[in-house]
Every structure is written in structure tokens, then in C-alpha cells.
Amino acid sequence: MTSLEAERVRGQLQHANETAMLRAELNDTLSQLQDRLNVSKRIDEAVDDAKVRVVDLKRRRPTAFIAGVVGVAAIAGLLTWNVVRKVAVR
């Protein structure tokens, strides 16, 4: 093999290595984008985190948990009562 052929082969190998590295980088970037843009997966993760926090609050501070449940129920009841009252007035 002549020196010119050896140089050409080295150049081709270097190009192939660079191409492989760029492909791997592109695959990594694509994977990260898919994770960020997958809304349903992110919602599922947020719901799971909220469940863990609620269970932790219920276990560590049951009085605060009960107060929160009563508060949410009171707000829901007031909103419902207000809507029904406005519909009944019509």
C-alpha cells in the first residue's frame, strides 16, 4: 500500500469515527427531546409525586392533612352551592 492510499484510508476511518460520534450525539439529543416533550409521561410523573407527598403528609401530620381535606371540601361545596344558586335564579 502506498503512502497516498494509507492516508486516504486513515481519512476514511477518521470520517467514519466522526460520523459515529455525531450519530450517538444526535440519538442522545433526540432521546432528551422525547423525554421533555412527552406530556403524558410528565403528567404521570407529577401525579405520582403528588401522591407521594399526600401520603407523606397524611402519615407525618394527620391534623394538617384532615384540615386540608376539609378546606378543599368546603371550597368545592361553596362553589357548587354558588353555581346552583345562580342557575336557580334564572
Protein backbone atom coordinates (compact mmCIF):
# COMPACT_ATOMS: atom_id res chain seq x y z
CA MET A 1 0.00 0.00 0.00
CA THR A 2 1.38 3.35 -0.92
CA SER A 3 1.56 6.27 1.41
CA LEU A 4 -1.20 8.04 -0.54
CA GLU A 5 -3.54 5.06 -0.16
CA ALA A 6 -2.73 4.77 3.54
CA GLU A 7 -3.51 8.46 4.01
CA ARG A 8 -6.83 8.04 2.20
CA VAL A 9 -7.77 5.03 4.35
CA ARG A 10 -6.88 6.97 7.53
CA GLY A 11 -9.07 9.84 6.35
CA GLN A 12 -11.96 7.49 5.68
CA LEU A 13 -11.60 5.88 9.11
CA GLN A 14 -11.49 9.28 10.79
CA HIS A 15 -14.59 10.34 8.87
CA ALA A 16 -16.38 7.13 9.91
CA ASN A 17 -15.44 7.72 13.56
CA GLU A 18 -16.67 11.32 13.44
CA THR A 19 -19.91 10.18 11.81
CA ALA A 20 -20.45 7.55 14.51
CA MET A 21 -19.83 10.12 17.26
CA LEU A 22 -22.25 12.58 15.66
CA ARG A 23 -24.91 9.87 15.34
CA ALA A 24 -24.53 8.95 19.00
CA GLU A 25 -24.79 12.63 19.99
CA LEU A 26 -27.87 13.07 17.79
CA ASN A 27 -29.52 9.99 19.33
CA ASP A 28 -28.83 11.35 22.81
CA THR A 29 -30.30 14.74 21.92
CA LEU A 30 -33.35 13.11 20.37
CA SER A 31 -33.87 10.99 23.46
CA GLN A 32 -33.72 14.06 25.70
CA LEU A 33 -36.20 15.90 23.49
CA GLN A 34 -38.61 12.97 23.57
CA ASP A 35 -38.47 12.94 27.37
CA ARG A 36 -39.14 16.67 27.57
CA LEU A 37 -41.93 16.68 25.00
CA ASN A 38 -43.74 13.58 26.28
CA VAL A 39 -46.52 15.44 28.10
CA SER A 40 -48.42 12.37 29.28
CA LYS A 41 -45.27 10.91 30.84
CA ARG A 42 -44.53 14.19 32.60
CA ILE A 43 -48.12 14.40 33.89
CA ASP A 44 -47.91 10.82 35.16
CA GLU A 45 -44.68 11.65 36.98
CA ALA A 46 -46.22 14.79 38.51
CA VAL A 47 -49.27 12.82 39.69
CA ASP A 48 -47.03 10.15 41.20
CA ASP A 49 -45.00 12.83 43.01
CA ALA A 50 -48.20 14.44 44.33
CA LYS A 51 -49.45 11.07 45.59
CA VAL A 52 -46.20 10.51 47.46
CA ARG A 53 -46.39 13.98 49.02
CA VAL A 54 -50.02 13.47 50.11
CA VAL A 55 -49.27 10.07 51.65
CA ASP A 56 -46.24 11.56 53.42
CA LEU A 57 -48.30 14.48 54.75
CA LYS A 58 -51.05 12.11 55.90
CA ARG A 59 -48.51 9.98 57.76
CA ARG A 60 -46.41 12.76 59.28
CA ARG A 61 -49.08 15.40 60.01
CA PRO A 62 -52.54 13.85 60.08
CA THR A 63 -54.16 17.00 61.51
CA ALA A 64 -52.84 19.16 58.67
CA PHE A 65 -54.00 16.53 56.17
CA ILE A 66 -57.52 16.49 57.62
CA ALA A 67 -57.60 20.30 57.66
CA GLY A 68 -56.60 20.33 54.01
CA VAL A 69 -59.29 17.82 53.06
CA VAL A 70 -61.93 19.78 54.96
CA GLY A 71 -60.76 23.02 53.32
CA VAL A 72 -60.92 21.57 49.82
CA ALA A 73 -64.34 20.05 50.52
CA ALA A 74 -65.62 23.40 51.85
CA ILE A 75 -64.38 25.29 48.79
CA ALA A 76 -65.91 22.68 46.45
CA GLY A 77 -69.19 22.88 48.36
CA LEU A 78 -69.28 26.68 48.25
CA LEU A 79 -68.54 26.71 44.53
CA THR A 80 -71.24 24.14 43.85
CA TRP A 81 -73.76 25.99 46.02
CA ASN A 82 -72.95 29.28 44.24
CA VAL A 83 -73.40 27.74 40.77
CA VAL A 84 -76.68 26.03 41.72
CA ARG A 85 -77.97 29.26 43.27
CA LYS A 86 -77.17 31.26 40.14
CA VAL A 87 -78.78 28.65 37.87
CA ALA A 88 -81.90 28.54 40.09
CA VAL A 89 -82.27 32.34 39.96
CA ARG A 90 -82.58 32.32 36.17
